[in-house]
């Protein structure tokens, strides 16, 4: 298993506005739990896209296609695009602190909040 990071970038100013972290199981397929770091509004929007997909098993290209389409069709996010995923190499078992450190090292906005979405499942 390997974690991959999908970066959300603004086409307006080329800034990174969010991160989607997925855990690849095999052949590009991912676990249903997805971690999102973004502003609250963007985090909620991406979560709703992911949870509305209605699929149990999904691969990274399909996830990116669906999220990208959702971003492009909404006037509030139409200027955002997804970048190719990169592998997250880390021996740190504490993923939360590792992710926070990654955000700090990338000098991302401190307004990014952590959220969790589940592919095809609504949170109760």
PDB file of N, CA and C in Angstrom:
ATOM      1  N   UNK A   1       0.844  -1.184   0.000  1.00  0.00           N
ATOM      2  CA  UNK A   1       0.000   0.000   0.000  1.00  0.00           C
ATOM      3  C   UNK A   1       0.882   1.238   0.000  1.00  0.00           C
ATOM      4  N   UNK A   2       0.416   2.230  -0.727  1.00  0.00           N
ATOM      5  CA  UNK A   2       1.162   3.472  -0.819  1.00  0.00           C
ATOM      6  C   UNK A   2       0.183   4.639  -0.834  1.00  0.00           C
ATOM      7  N   UNK A   3       0.542   5.687  -0.123  1.00  0.00           N
ATOM      8  CA  UNK A   3      -0.292   6.877  -0.127  1.00  0.00           C
ATOM      9  C   UNK A   3       0.122   7.786  -1.273  1.00  0.00           C
ATOM     10  N   UNK A   4      -0.894   8.438  -1.866  1.00  0.00           N
ATOM     11  CA  UNK A   4      -0.641   9.384  -2.938  1.00  0.00           C
ATOM     12  C   UNK A   4      -1.364  10.678  -2.627  1.00  0.00           C
ATOM     13  N   UNK A   5      -0.761  11.776  -3.073  1.00  0.00           N
ATOM     14  CA  UNK A   5      -1.309  13.106  -2.833  1.00  0.00           C
ATOM     15  C   UNK A   5      -1.735  13.703  -4.169  1.00  0.00           C
ATOM     16  N   UNK A   6      -2.987  14.113  -4.239  1.00  0.00           N
ATOM     17  CA  UNK A   6      -3.503  14.829  -5.402  1.00  0.00           C
ATOM     18  C   UNK A   6      -3.586  16.295  -4.994  1.00  0.00           C
ATOM     19  N   UNK A   7      -2.928  17.154  -5.731  1.00  0.00           N
ATOM     20  CA  UNK A   7      -2.865  18.572  -5.400  1.00  0.00           C
ATOM     21  C   UNK A   7      -3.950  19.339  -6.150  1.00  0.00           C
ATOM     22  N   UNK A   8      -4.616  20.250  -5.442  1.00  0.00           N
ATOM     23  CA  UNK A   8      -5.613  21.125  -6.057  1.00  0.00           C
ATOM     24  C   UNK A   8      -4.964  22.497  -6.190  1.00  0.00           C
ATOM     25  N   UNK A   9      -4.888  22.992  -7.418  1.00  0.00           N
ATOM     26  CA  UNK A   9      -4.218  24.267  -7.669  1.00  0.00           C
ATOM     27  C   UNK A   9      -5.187  25.258  -8.302  1.00  0.00           C
ATOM     28  N   UNK A  10      -4.938  26.532  -8.027  1.00  0.00           N
ATOM     29  CA  UNK A  10      -5.709  27.608  -8.624  1.00  0.00           C
ATOM     30  C   UNK A  10      -5.076  27.991  -9.957  1.00  0.00           C
ATOM     31  N   UNK A  11      -5.883  28.042 -11.011  1.00  0.00           N
ATOM     32  CA  UNK A  11      -5.366  28.477 -12.309  1.00  0.00           C
ATOM     33  C   UNK A  11      -5.175  29.989 -12.335  1.00  0.00           C
ATOM     34  N   UNK A  12      -5.800  30.686 -11.423  1.00  0.00           N
ATOM     35  CA  UNK A  12      -5.698  32.154 -11.376  1.00  0.00           C
ATOM     36  C   UNK A  12      -4.310  32.608 -10.957  1.00  0.00           C
ATOM     37  N   UNK A  13      -3.791  32.014  -9.894  1.00  0.00           N
ATOM     38  CA  UNK A  13      -2.514  32.487  -9.359  1.00  0.00           C
ATOM     39  C   UNK A  13      -1.492  31.370  -9.154  1.00  0.00           C
ATOM     40  N   UNK A  14      -1.812  30.162  -9.616  1.00  0.00           N
ATOM     41  CA  UNK A  14      -0.920  28.997  -9.517  1.00  0.00           C
ATOM     42  C   UNK A  14      -0.621  28.578  -8.082  1.00  0.00           C
ATOM     43  N   UNK A  15      -1.426  29.004  -7.128  1.00  0.00           N
ATOM     44  CA  UNK A  15      -1.248  28.594  -5.735  1.00  0.00           C
ATOM     45  C   UNK A  15      -1.913  27.257  -5.475  1.00  0.00           C
ATOM     46  N   UNK A  16      -1.396  26.527  -4.507  1.00  0.00           N
ATOM     47  CA  UNK A  16      -2.019  25.287  -4.067  1.00  0.00           C
ATOM     48  C   UNK A  16      -3.128  25.660  -3.087  1.00  0.00           C
ATOM     49  N   UNK A  17      -4.348  25.182  -3.357  1.00  0.00           N
ATOM     50  CA  UNK A  17      -5.484  25.518  -2.507  1.00  0.00           C
ATOM     51  C   UNK A  17      -6.002  24.322  -1.714  1.00  0.00           C
ATOM     52  N   UNK A  18      -5.470  23.136  -1.992  1.00  0.00           N
ATOM     53  CA  UNK A  18      -5.901  21.971  -1.249  1.00  0.00           C
ATOM     54  C   UNK A  18      -5.133  20.721  -1.630  1.00  0.00           C
ATOM     55  N   UNK A  19      -5.287  19.697  -0.792  1.00  0.00           N
ATOM     56  CA  UNK A  19      -4.649  18.404  -1.021  1.00  0.00           C
ATOM     57  C   UNK A  19      -5.671  17.306  -0.766  1.00  0.00           C
ATOM     58  N   UNK A  20      -5.620  16.267  -1.582  1.00  0.00           N
ATOM     59  CA  UNK A  20      -6.434  15.077  -1.375  1.00  0.00           C
ATOM     60  C   UNK A  20      -5.455  13.923  -1.202  1.00  0.00           C
ATOM     61  N   UNK A  21      -5.535  13.224  -0.077  1.00  0.00           N
ATOM     62  CA  UNK A  21      -4.612  12.126   0.205  1.00  0.00           C
ATOM     63  C   UNK A  21      -5.392  10.817   0.166  1.00  0.00           C
ATOM     64  N   UNK A  22      -4.937   9.910  -0.708  1.00  0.00           N
ATOM     65  CA  UNK A  22      -5.594   8.611  -0.860  1.00  0.00           C
ATOM     66  C   UNK A  22      -4.584   7.507  -0.591  1.00  0.00           C
ATOM     67  N   UNK A  23      -5.081   6.366  -0.186  1.00  0.00           N
ATOM     68  CA  UNK A  23      -4.211   5.215   0.040  1.00  0.00           C
ATOM     69  C   UNK A  23      -4.485   4.196  -1.059  1.00  0.00           C
ATOM     70  N   UNK A  24      -3.470   3.981  -1.890  1.00  0.00           N
ATOM     71  CA  UNK A  24      -3.580   3.057  -3.006  1.00  0.00           C
ATOM     72  C   UNK A  24      -3.416   1.630  -2.501  1.00  0.00           C
ATOM     73  N   UNK A  25      -4.376   0.763  -2.853  1.00  0.00           N
ATOM     74  CA  UNK A  25      -4.332  -0.627  -2.415  1.00  0.00           C
ATOM     75  C   UNK A  25      -3.571  -1.461  -3.442  1.00  0.00           C
ATOM     76  N   UNK A  26      -4.085  -1.500  -4.655  1.00  0.00           N
ATOM     77  CA  UNK A  26      -3.433  -2.239  -5.737  1.00  0.00           C
ATOM     78  C   UNK A  26      -3.984  -1.755  -7.069  1.00  0.00           C
ATOM     79  N   UNK A  27      -3.158  -1.785  -8.086  1.00  0.00           N
ATOM     80  CA  UNK A  27      -3.545  -1.412  -9.447  1.00  0.00           C
ATOM     81  C   UNK A  27      -4.259  -0.069  -9.524  1.00  0.00           C
ATOM     82  N   UNK A  28      -3.854   0.872  -8.686  1.00  0.00           N
ATOM     83  CA  UNK A  28      -4.454   2.196  -8.709  1.00  0.00           C
ATOM     84  C   UNK A  28      -5.733   2.328  -7.915  1.00  0.00           C
ATOM     85  N   UNK A  29      -6.280   1.219  -7.410  1.00  0.00           N
ATOM     86  CA  UNK A  29      -7.498   1.290  -6.610  1.00  0.00           C
ATOM     87  C   UNK A  29      -7.170   1.813  -5.219  1.00  0.00           C
ATOM     88  N   UNK A  30      -8.138   2.494  -4.637  1.00  0.00           N
ATOM     89  CA  UNK A  30      -7.893   3.182  -3.370  1.00  0.00           C
ATOM     90  C   UNK A  30      -8.846   2.691  -2.290  1.00  0.00           C
ATOM     91  N   UNK A  31      -8.416   2.891  -1.038  1.00  0.00           N
ATOM     92  CA  UNK A  31      -9.306   2.649   0.100  1.00  0.00           C
ATOM     93  C   UNK A  31     -10.419   3.680   0.047  1.00  0.00           C
ATOM     94  N   UNK A  32     -11.553   3.355   0.643  1.00  0.00           N
ATOM     95  CA  UNK A  32     -12.687   4.276   0.564  1.00  0.00           C
ATOM     96  C   UNK A  32     -12.526   5.530   1.418  1.00  0.00           C
ATOM     97  N   UNK A  33     -11.623   5.530   2.372  1.00  0.00           N
ATOM     98  CA  UNK A  33     -11.393   6.703   3.222  1.00  0.00           C
ATOM     99  C   UNK A  33     -10.393   7.642   2.536  1.00  0.00           C
ATOM    100  N   UNK A  34     -10.811   8.887   2.350  1.00  0.00           N
ATOM    101  CA  UNK A  34      -9.988   9.887   1.676  1.00  0.00           C
ATOM    102  C   UNK A  34      -9.836  11.093   2.599  1.00  0.00           C
ATOM    103  N   UNK A  35      -8.602  11.570   2.755  1.00  0.00           N
ATOM    104  CA  UNK A  35      -8.324  12.720   3.606  1.00  0.00           C
ATOM    105  C   UNK A  35      -8.177  13.957   2.720  1.00  0.00           C
ATOM    106  N   UNK A  36      -8.846  15.026   3.122  1.00  0.00           N
ATOM    107  CA  UNK A  36      -8.835  16.269   2.349  1.00  0.00           C
ATOM    108  C   UNK A  36      -8.318  17.386   3.239  1.00  0.00           C
ATOM    109  N   UNK A  37      -7.385  18.169   2.706  1.00  0.00           N
ATOM    110  CA  UNK A  37      -6.940  19.397   3.369  1.00  0.00           C
ATOM    111  C   UNK A  37      -7.293  20.547   2.448  1.00  0.00           C
ATOM    112  N   UNK A  38      -8.196  21.412   2.894  1.00  0.00           N
ATOM    113  CA  UNK A  38      -8.637  22.549   2.083  1.00  0.00           C
ATOM    114  C   UNK A  38      -9.363  23.521   3.006  1.00  0.00           C
ATOM    115  N   UNK A  39      -9.754  24.673   2.455  1.00  0.00           N
ATOM    116  CA  UNK A  39     -10.589  25.579   3.233  1.00  0.00           C
ATOM    117  C   UNK A  39     -11.905  24.874   3.511  1.00  0.00           C
ATOM    118  N   UNK A  40     -12.630  25.318   4.507  1.00  0.00           N
ATOM    119  CA  UNK A  40     -13.850  24.630   4.919  1.00  0.00           C
ATOM    120  C   UNK A  40     -14.836  24.474   3.757  1.00  0.00           C
ATOM    121  N   UNK A  41     -15.073  25.544   3.009  1.00  0.00           N
ATOM    122  CA  UNK A  41     -16.034  25.485   1.903  1.00  0.00           C
ATOM    123  C   UNK A  41     -15.589  24.499   0.824  1.00  0.00           C
ATOM    124  N   UNK A  42     -14.326  24.554   0.436  1.00  0.00           N
ATOM    125  CA  UNK A  42     -13.809  23.646  -0.589  1.00  0.00           C
ATOM    126  C   UNK A  42     -13.802  22.204  -0.088  1.00  0.00           C
ATOM    127  N   UNK A  43     -13.435  22.021   1.170  1.00  0.00           N
ATOM    128  CA  UNK A  43     -13.416  20.680   1.776  1.00  0.00           C
ATOM    129  C   UNK A  43     -14.805  20.053   1.734  1.00  0.00           C
ATOM    130  N   UNK A  44     -15.825  20.803   2.110  1.00  0.00           N
ATOM    131  CA  UNK A  44     -17.198  20.306   2.095  1.00  0.00           C
ATOM    132  C   UNK A  44     -17.657  20.003   0.676  1.00  0.00           C
ATOM    133  N   UNK A  45     -17.288  20.852  -0.274  1.00  0.00           N
ATOM    134  CA  UNK A  45     -17.679  20.657  -1.667  1.00  0.00           C
ATOM    135  C   UNK A  45     -17.059  19.381  -2.237  1.00  0.00           C
ATOM    136  N   UNK A  46     -15.765  19.184  -2.006  1.00  0.00           N
ATOM    137  CA  UNK A  46     -15.085  17.991  -2.510  1.00  0.00           C
ATOM    138  C   UNK A  46     -15.627  16.740  -1.826  1.00  0.00           C
ATOM    139  N   UNK A  47     -15.880  16.824  -0.529  1.00  0.00           N
ATOM    140  CA  UNK A  47     -16.470  15.679   0.197  1.00  0.00           C
ATOM    141  C   UNK A  47     -17.802  15.282  -0.409  1.00  0.00           C
ATOM    142  N   UNK A  48     -18.629  16.263  -0.735  1.00  0.00           N
ATOM    143  CA  UNK A  48     -19.943  15.943  -1.300  1.00  0.00           C
ATOM    144  C   UNK A  48     -19.804  15.296  -2.673  1.00  0.00           C
ATOM    145  N   UNK A  49     -18.831  15.729  -3.465  1.00  0.00           N
ATOM    146  CA  UNK A  49     -18.592  15.103  -4.773  1.00  0.00           C
ATOM    147  C   UNK A  49     -18.191  13.642  -4.569  1.00  0.00           C
ATOM    148  N   UNK A  50     -17.222  13.418  -3.700  1.00  0.00           N
ATOM    149  CA  UNK A  50     -16.698  12.066  -3.475  1.00  0.00           C
ATOM    150  C   UNK A  50     -17.777  11.150  -2.925  1.00  0.00           C
ATOM    151  N   UNK A  51     -18.537  11.623  -1.952  1.00  0.00           N
ATOM    152  CA  UNK A  51     -19.541  10.779  -1.316  1.00  0.00           C
ATOM    153  C   UNK A  51     -20.737  10.507  -2.217  1.00  0.00           C
ATOM    154  N   UNK A  52     -20.941  11.334  -3.235  1.00  0.00           N
ATOM    155  CA  UNK A  52     -22.078  11.131  -4.139  1.00  0.00           C
ATOM    156  C   UNK A  52     -21.774  10.158  -5.269  1.00  0.00           C
ATOM    157  N   UNK A  53     -20.557   9.671  -5.365  1.00  0.00           N
ATOM    158  CA  UNK A  53     -20.163   8.829  -6.494  1.00  0.00           C
ATOM    159  C   UNK A  53     -20.861   7.483  -6.509  1.00  0.00           C
ATOM    160  N   UNK A  54     -21.256   6.983  -5.362  1.00  0.00           N
ATOM    161  CA  UNK A  54     -22.020   5.749  -5.312  1.00  0.00           C
ATOM    162  C   UNK A  54     -21.251   4.494  -5.698  1.00  0.00           C
ATOM    163  N   UNK A  55     -19.953   4.563  -5.717  1.00  0.00           N
ATOM    164  CA  UNK A  55     -19.143   3.395  -6.032  1.00  0.00           C
ATOM    165  C   UNK A  55     -18.395   2.962  -4.780  1.00  0.00           C
ATOM    166  N   UNK A  56     -18.225   1.661  -4.624  1.00  0.00           N
ATOM    167  CA  UNK A  56     -17.464   1.156  -3.496  1.00  0.00           C
ATOM    168  C   UNK A  56     -15.987   1.121  -3.818  1.00  0.00           C
ATOM    169  N   UNK A  57     -15.659   0.683  -5.022  1.00  0.00           N
ATOM    170  CA  UNK A  57     -14.257   0.586  -5.432  1.00  0.00           C
ATOM    171  C   UNK A  57     -13.982   1.634  -6.494  1.00  0.00           C
ATOM    172  N   UNK A  58     -12.884   2.350  -6.323  1.00  0.00           N
ATOM    173  CA  UNK A  58     -12.553   3.398  -7.276  1.00  0.00           C
ATOM    174  C   UNK A  58     -11.049   3.454  -7.440  1.00  0.00           C
ATOM    175  N   UNK A  59     -10.625   3.777  -8.648  1.00  0.00           N
ATOM    176  CA  UNK A  59      -9.201   3.967  -8.865  1.00  0.00           C
ATOM    177  C   UNK A  59      -8.884   5.458  -8.917  1.00  0.00           C
ATOM    178  N   UNK A  60      -7.618   5.785  -8.858  1.00  0.00           N
ATOM    179  CA  UNK A  60      -7.198   7.180  -8.787  1.00  0.00           C
ATOM    180  C   UNK A  60      -7.608   7.976 -10.024  1.00  0.00           C
ATOM    181  N   UNK A  61      -7.407   7.459 -11.253  1.00  0.00           N
ATOM    182  CA  UNK A  61      -7.826   8.248 -12.425  1.00  0.00           C
ATOM    183  C   UNK A  61      -9.319   8.573 -12.444  1.00  0.00           C
ATOM    184  N   UNK A  62     -10.165   7.622 -12.038  1.00  0.00           N
ATOM    185  CA  UNK A  62     -11.606   7.867 -12.011  1.00  0.00           C
ATOM    186  C   UNK A  62     -11.949   8.905 -10.948  1.00  0.00           C
ATOM    187  N   UNK A  63     -11.339   8.789  -9.779  1.00  0.00           N
ATOM    188  CA  UNK A  63     -11.560   9.773  -8.726  1.00  0.00           C
ATOM    189  C   UNK A  63     -11.186  11.165  -9.217  1.00  0.00           C
ATOM    190  N   UNK A  64     -10.020  11.268  -9.842  1.00  0.00           N
ATOM    191  CA  UNK A  64      -9.571  12.579 -10.336  1.00  0.00           C
ATOM    192  C   UNK A  64     -10.516  13.125 -11.402  1.00  0.00           C
ATOM    193  N   UNK A  65     -10.985  12.266 -12.283  1.00  0.00           N
ATOM    194  CA  UNK A  65     -11.903  12.693 -13.341  1.00  0.00           C
ATOM    195  C   UNK A  65     -13.201  13.237 -12.750  1.00  0.00           C
ATOM    196  N   UNK A  66     -13.761  12.523 -11.771  1.00  0.00           N
ATOM    197  CA  UNK A  66     -15.034  12.928 -11.161  1.00  0.00           C
ATOM    198  C   UNK A  66     -14.887  14.213 -10.350  1.00  0.00           C
ATOM    199  N   UNK A  67     -13.832  14.305  -9.559  1.00  0.00           N
ATOM    200  CA  UNK A  67     -13.626  15.515  -8.755  1.00  0.00           C
ATOM    201  C   UNK A  67     -13.335  16.701  -9.670  1.00  0.00           C
ATOM    202  N   UNK A  68     -12.516  16.497 -10.693  1.00  0.00           N
ATOM    203  CA  UNK A  68     -12.185  17.566 -11.630  1.00  0.00           C
ATOM    204  C   UNK A  68     -13.442  18.075 -12.334  1.00  0.00           C
ATOM    205  N   UNK A  69     -14.293  17.168 -12.762  1.00  0.00           N
ATOM    206  CA  UNK A  69     -15.548  17.549 -13.413  1.00  0.00           C
ATOM    207  C   UNK A  69     -16.416  18.368 -12.450  1.00  0.00           C
ATOM    208  N   UNK A  70     -16.523  17.910 -11.206  1.00  0.00           N
ATOM    209  CA  UNK A  70     -17.302  18.635 -10.211  1.00  0.00           C
ATOM    210  C   UNK A  70     -16.768  20.038  -9.972  1.00  0.00           C
ATOM    211  N   UNK A  71     -15.451  20.171  -9.916  1.00  0.00           N
ATOM    212  CA  UNK A  71     -14.840  21.492  -9.717  1.00  0.00           C
ATOM    213  C   UNK A  71     -15.108  22.408 -10.914  1.00  0.00           C
ATOM    214  N   UNK A  72     -14.986  21.880 -12.111  1.00  0.00           N
ATOM    215  CA  UNK A  72     -15.156  22.687 -13.331  1.00  0.00           C
ATOM    216  C   UNK A  72     -16.592  23.143 -13.554  1.00  0.00           C
ATOM    217  N   UNK A  73     -17.569  22.371 -13.059  1.00  0.00           N
ATOM    218  CA  UNK A  73     -18.967  22.708 -13.323  1.00  0.00           C
ATOM    219  C   UNK A  73     -19.576  23.654 -12.291  1.00  0.00           C
ATOM    220  N   UNK A  74     -18.858  23.990 -11.261  1.00  0.00           N
ATOM    221  CA  UNK A  74     -19.363  24.919 -10.247  1.00  0.00           C
ATOM    222  C   UNK A  74     -18.651  26.258 -10.404  1.00  0.00           C
ATOM    223  N   UNK A  75     -19.416  27.332 -10.453  1.00  0.00           N
ATOM    224  CA  UNK A  75     -18.808  28.654 -10.691  1.00  0.00           C
ATOM    225  C   UNK A  75     -17.828  29.074  -9.599  1.00  0.00           C
ATOM    226  N   UNK A  76     -18.000  28.548  -8.389  1.00  0.00           N
ATOM    227  CA  UNK A  76     -17.096  28.921  -7.297  1.00  0.00           C
ATOM    228  C   UNK A  76     -15.736  28.246  -7.402  1.00  0.00           C
ATOM    229  N   UNK A  77     -15.660  27.132  -8.128  1.00  0.00           N
ATOM    230  CA  UNK A  77     -14.422  26.364  -8.180  1.00  0.00           C
ATOM    231  C   UNK A  77     -13.939  26.099  -9.608  1.00  0.00           C
ATOM    232  N   UNK A  78     -14.544  26.746 -10.585  1.00  0.00           N
ATOM    233  CA  UNK A  78     -14.232  26.453 -11.986  1.00  0.00           C
ATOM    234  C   UNK A  78     -12.792  26.803 -12.371  1.00  0.00           C
ATOM    235  N   UNK A  79     -12.110  27.587 -11.567  1.00  0.00           N
ATOM    236  CA  UNK A  79     -10.728  27.984 -11.853  1.00  0.00           C
ATOM    237  C   UNK A  79      -9.702  27.044 -11.194  1.00  0.00           C
ATOM    238  N   UNK A  80     -10.178  25.978 -10.568  1.00  0.00           N
ATOM    239  CA  UNK A  80      -9.280  25.041  -9.889  1.00  0.00           C
ATOM    240  C   UNK A  80      -9.038  23.816 -10.759  1.00  0.00           C
ATOM    241  N   UNK A  81      -7.838  23.242 -10.633  1.00  0.00           N
ATOM    242  CA  UNK A  81      -7.541  22.018 -11.377  1.00  0.00           C
ATOM    243  C   UNK A  81      -6.742  21.071 -10.492  1.00  0.00           C
ATOM    244  N   UNK A  82      -6.798  19.808 -10.854  1.00  0.00           N
ATOM    245  CA  UNK A  82      -6.063  18.781 -10.117  1.00  0.00           C
ATOM    246  C   UNK A  82      -4.749  18.492 -10.834  1.00  0.00           C
ATOM    247  N   UNK A  83      -3.686  18.351 -10.057  1.00  0.00           N
ATOM    248  CA  UNK A  83      -2.384  18.004 -10.616  1.00  0.00           C
ATOM    249  C   UNK A  83      -2.167  16.500 -10.474  1.00  0.00           C
ATOM    250  N   UNK A  84      -1.256  15.965 -11.260  1.00  0.00           N
ATOM    251  CA  UNK A  84      -0.952  14.533 -11.200  1.00  0.00           C
ATOM    252  C   UNK A  84      -0.555  14.141  -9.776  1.00  0.00           C
ATOM    253  N   UNK A  85      -1.037  13.010  -9.310  1.00  0.00           N
ATOM    254  CA  UNK A  85      -0.704  12.583  -7.949  1.00  0.00           C
ATOM    255  C   UNK A  85       0.764  12.206  -7.813  1.00  0.00           C
ATOM    256  N   UNK A  86       1.279  12.421  -6.611  1.00  0.00           N
ATOM    257  CA  UNK A  86       2.648  11.987  -6.328  1.00  0.00           C
ATOM    258  C   UNK A  86       2.627  11.097  -5.092  1.00  0.00           C
ATOM    259  N   UNK A  87       3.597  10.193  -5.041  1.00  0.00           N
ATOM    260  CA  UNK A  87       3.689   9.254  -3.924  1.00  0.00           C
ATOM    261  C   UNK A  87       4.169   9.968  -2.679  1.00  0.00           C
ATOM    262  N   UNK A  88       3.591   9.620  -1.565  1.00  0.00           N
ATOM    263  CA  UNK A  88       3.966  10.196  -0.282  1.00  0.00           C
ATOM    264  C   UNK A  88       4.872   9.201   0.417  1.00  0.00           C
ATOM    265  N   UNK A  89       6.140   9.537   0.498  1.00  0.00           N
ATOM    266  CA  UNK A  89       7.138   8.660   1.115  1.00  0.00           C
ATOM    267  C   UNK A  89       7.346   9.097   2.558  1.00  0.00           C
ATOM    268  N   UNK A  90       7.080   8.196   3.489  1.00  0.00           N
ATOM    269  CA  UNK A  90       7.267   8.536   4.892  1.00  0.00           C
ATOM    270  C   UNK A  90       7.301   7.269   5.734  1.00  0.00           C
ATOM    271  N   UNK A  91       8.176   7.286   6.708  1.00  0.00           N
ATOM    272  CA  UNK A  91       8.241   6.191   7.681  1.00  0.00           C
ATOM    273  C   UNK A  91       7.431   6.529   8.934  1.00  0.00           C
ATOM    274  N   UNK A  92       6.942   7.753   9.014  1.00  0.00           N
ATOM    275  CA  UNK A  92       6.199   8.221  10.165  1.00  0.00           C
ATOM    276  C   UNK A  92       4.836   7.537  10.219  1.00  0.00           C
ATOM    277  N   UNK A  93       4.547   6.866  11.316  1.00  0.00           N
ATOM    278  CA  UNK A  93       3.279   6.162  11.470  1.00  0.00           C
ATOM    279  C   UNK A  93       2.150   7.091  11.905  1.00  0.00           C
ATOM    280  N   UNK A  94       2.497   8.251  12.460  1.00  0.00           N
ATOM    281  CA  UNK A  94       1.489   9.216  12.872  1.00  0.00           C
ATOM    282  C   UNK A  94       1.161  10.095  11.663  1.00  0.00           C
ATOM    283  N   UNK A  95       0.137   9.704  10.919  1.00  0.00           N
ATOM    284  CA  UNK A  95      -0.176  10.370   9.656  1.00  0.00           C
ATOM    285  C   UNK A  95      -0.627  11.811   9.849  1.00  0.00           C
ATOM    286  N   UNK A  96      -1.354  12.086  10.910  1.00  0.00           N
ATOM    287  CA  UNK A  96      -1.843  13.445  11.138  1.00  0.00           C
ATOM    288  C   UNK A  96      -0.704  14.436  11.313  1.00  0.00           C
ATOM    289  N   UNK A  97       0.266  14.102  12.151  1.00  0.00           N
ATOM    290  CA  UNK A  97       1.385  15.019  12.364  1.00  0.00           C
ATOM    291  C   UNK A  97       2.267  15.101  11.122  1.00  0.00           C
ATOM    292  N   UNK A  98       2.403  13.979  10.406  1.00  0.00           N
ATOM    293  CA  UNK A  98       3.178  13.997   9.170  1.00  0.00           C
ATOM    294  C   UNK A  98       2.522  14.920   8.141  1.00  0.00           C
ATOM    295  N   UNK A  99       1.193  14.825   8.008  1.00  0.00           N
ATOM    296  CA  UNK A  99       0.480  15.665   7.050  1.00  0.00           C
ATOM    297  C   UNK A  99       0.578  17.134   7.429  1.00  0.00           C
ATOM    298  N   UNK A 100       0.461  17.426   8.707  1.00  0.00           N
ATOM    299  CA  UNK A 100       0.586  18.811   9.181  1.00  0.00           C
ATOM    300  C   UNK A 100       1.978  19.351   8.865  1.00  0.00           C
ATOM    301  N   UNK A 101       2.994  18.535   9.106  1.00  0.00           N
ATOM    302  CA  UNK A 101       4.369  18.940   8.808  1.00  0.00           C
ATOM    303  C   UNK A 101       4.557  19.174   7.301  1.00  0.00           C
ATOM    304  N   UNK A 102       3.939  18.319   6.484  1.00  0.00           N
ATOM    305  CA  UNK A 102       4.021  18.475   5.029  1.00  0.00           C
ATOM    306  C   UNK A 102       3.396  19.801   4.602  1.00  0.00           C
ATOM    307  N   UNK A 103       2.248  20.118   5.156  1.00  0.00           N
ATOM    308  CA  UNK A 103       1.576  21.382   4.830  1.00  0.00           C
ATOM    309  C   UNK A 103       2.434  22.560   5.252  1.00  0.00           C
ATOM    310  N   UNK A 104       3.042  22.482   6.432  1.00  0.00           N
ATOM    311  CA  UNK A 104       3.925  23.550   6.905  1.00  0.00           C
ATOM    312  C   UNK A 104       5.149  23.694   5.991  1.00  0.00           C
ATOM    313  N   UNK A 105       5.754  22.567   5.602  1.00  0.00           N
ATOM    314  CA  UNK A 105       6.944  22.617   4.750  1.00  0.00           C
ATOM    315  C   UNK A 105       6.628  23.148   3.357  1.00  0.00           C
ATOM    316  N   UNK A 106       5.407  22.896   2.886  1.00  0.00           N
ATOM    317  CA  UNK A 106       5.001  23.404   1.574  1.00  0.00           C
ATOM    318  C   UNK A 106       4.573  24.869   1.658  1.00  0.00           C
ATOM    319  N   UNK A 107       4.573  25.406   2.891  1.00  0.00           N
ATOM    320  CA  UNK A 107       4.178  26.791   3.151  1.00  0.00           C
ATOM    321  C   UNK A 107       2.775  27.094   2.618  1.00  0.00           C
ATOM    322  N   UNK A 108       1.872  26.158   2.904  1.00  0.00           N
ATOM    323  CA  UNK A 108       0.485  26.327   2.477  1.00  0.00           C
ATOM    324  C   UNK A 108      -0.267  27.161   3.491  1.00  0.00           C
ATOM    325  N   UNK A 109      -1.367  27.676   3.061  1.00  0.00           N
ATOM    326  CA  UNK A 109      -2.215  28.521   3.886  1.00  0.00           C
ATOM    327  C   UNK A 109      -2.596  27.803   5.177  1.00  0.00           C
ATOM    328  N   UNK A 110      -2.461  28.491   6.292  1.00  0.00           N
ATOM    329  CA  UNK A 110      -2.810  27.867   7.574  1.00  0.00           C
ATOM    330  C   UNK A 110      -4.322  27.758   7.773  1.00  0.00           C
ATOM    331  N   UNK A 111      -5.114  28.177   6.786  1.00  0.00           N
ATOM    332  CA  UNK A 111      -6.562  28.038   6.865  1.00  0.00           C
ATOM    333  C   UNK A 111      -7.043  26.684   6.334  1.00  0.00           C
ATOM    334  N   UNK A 112      -6.104  25.858   5.882  1.00  0.00           N
ATOM    335  CA  UNK A 112      -6.493  24.537   5.399  1.00  0.00           C
ATOM    336  C   UNK A 112      -6.932  23.679   6.576  1.00  0.00           C
ATOM    337  N   UNK A 113      -8.099  23.076   6.427  1.00  0.00           N
ATOM    338  CA  UNK A 113      -8.650  22.223   7.471  1.00  0.00           C
ATOM    339  C   UNK A 113      -8.666  20.786   6.988  1.00  0.00           C
ATOM    340  N   UNK A 114      -8.574  19.871   7.936  1.00  0.00           N
ATOM    341  CA  UNK A 114      -8.590  18.446   7.607  1.00  0.00           C
ATOM    342  C   UNK A 114     -10.026  17.953   7.580  1.00  0.00           C
ATOM    343  N   UNK A 115     -10.328  17.157   6.585  1.00  0.00           N
ATOM    344  CA  UNK A 115     -11.634  16.535   6.485  1.00  0.00           C
ATOM    345  C   UNK A 115     -11.480  15.127   5.952  1.00  0.00           C
ATOM    346  N   UNK A 116     -12.497  14.314   6.170  1.00  0.00           N
ATOM    347  CA  UNK A 116     -12.481  12.943   5.689  1.00  0.00           C
ATOM    348  C   UNK A 116     -13.740  12.694   4.876  1.00  0.00           C
ATOM    349  N   UNK A 117     -13.563  12.068   3.724  1.00  0.00           N
ATOM    350  CA  UNK A 117     -14.704  11.671   2.892  1.00  0.00           C
ATOM    351  C   UNK A 117     -14.591  10.180   2.628  1.00  0.00           C
ATOM    352  N   UNK A 118     -15.716   9.554   2.421  1.00  0.00           N
ATOM    353  CA  UNK A 118     -15.736   8.127   2.128  1.00  0.00           C
ATOM    354  C   UNK A 118     -16.382   7.937   0.753  1.00  0.00           C
ATOM    355  N   UNK A 119     -15.688   7.252  -0.131  1.00  0.00           N
ATOM    356  CA  UNK A 119     -16.197   7.033  -1.476  1.00  0.00           C
ATOM    357  C   UNK A 119     -17.530   6.303  -1.417  1.00  0.00           C
ATOM    358  N   UNK A 120     -18.555   6.918  -1.984  1.00  0.00           N
ATOM    359  CA  UNK A 120     -19.868   6.273  -2.098  1.00  0.00           C
ATOM    360  C   UNK A 120     -20.643   6.137  -0.816  1.00  0.00           C
ATOM    361  N   UNK A 121     -20.197   6.777   0.258  1.00  0.00           N
ATOM    362  CA  UNK A 121     -20.902   6.647   1.538  1.00  0.00           C
ATOM    363  C   UNK A 121     -21.164   8.033   2.107  1.00  0.00           C
ATOM    364  N   UNK A 122     -22.357   8.227   2.594  1.00  0.00           N
ATOM    365  CA  UNK A 122     -22.704   9.471   3.259  1.00  0.00           C
ATOM    366  C   UNK A 122     -22.404   9.341   4.743  1.00  0.00           C
ATOM    367  N   UNK A 123     -21.841  10.402   5.328  1.00  0.00           N
ATOM    368  CA  UNK A 123     -21.612  10.400   6.770  1.00  0.00           C
ATOM    369  C   UNK A 123     -22.942  10.608   7.472  1.00  0.00           C
ATOM    370  N   UNK A 124     -23.184   9.864   8.534  1.00  0.00           N
ATOM    371  CA  UNK A 124     -24.448   9.992   9.282  1.00  0.00           C
ATOM    372  C   UNK A 124     -24.336  11.044  10.344  1.00  0.00           C
TER     373      UNK A 124
END
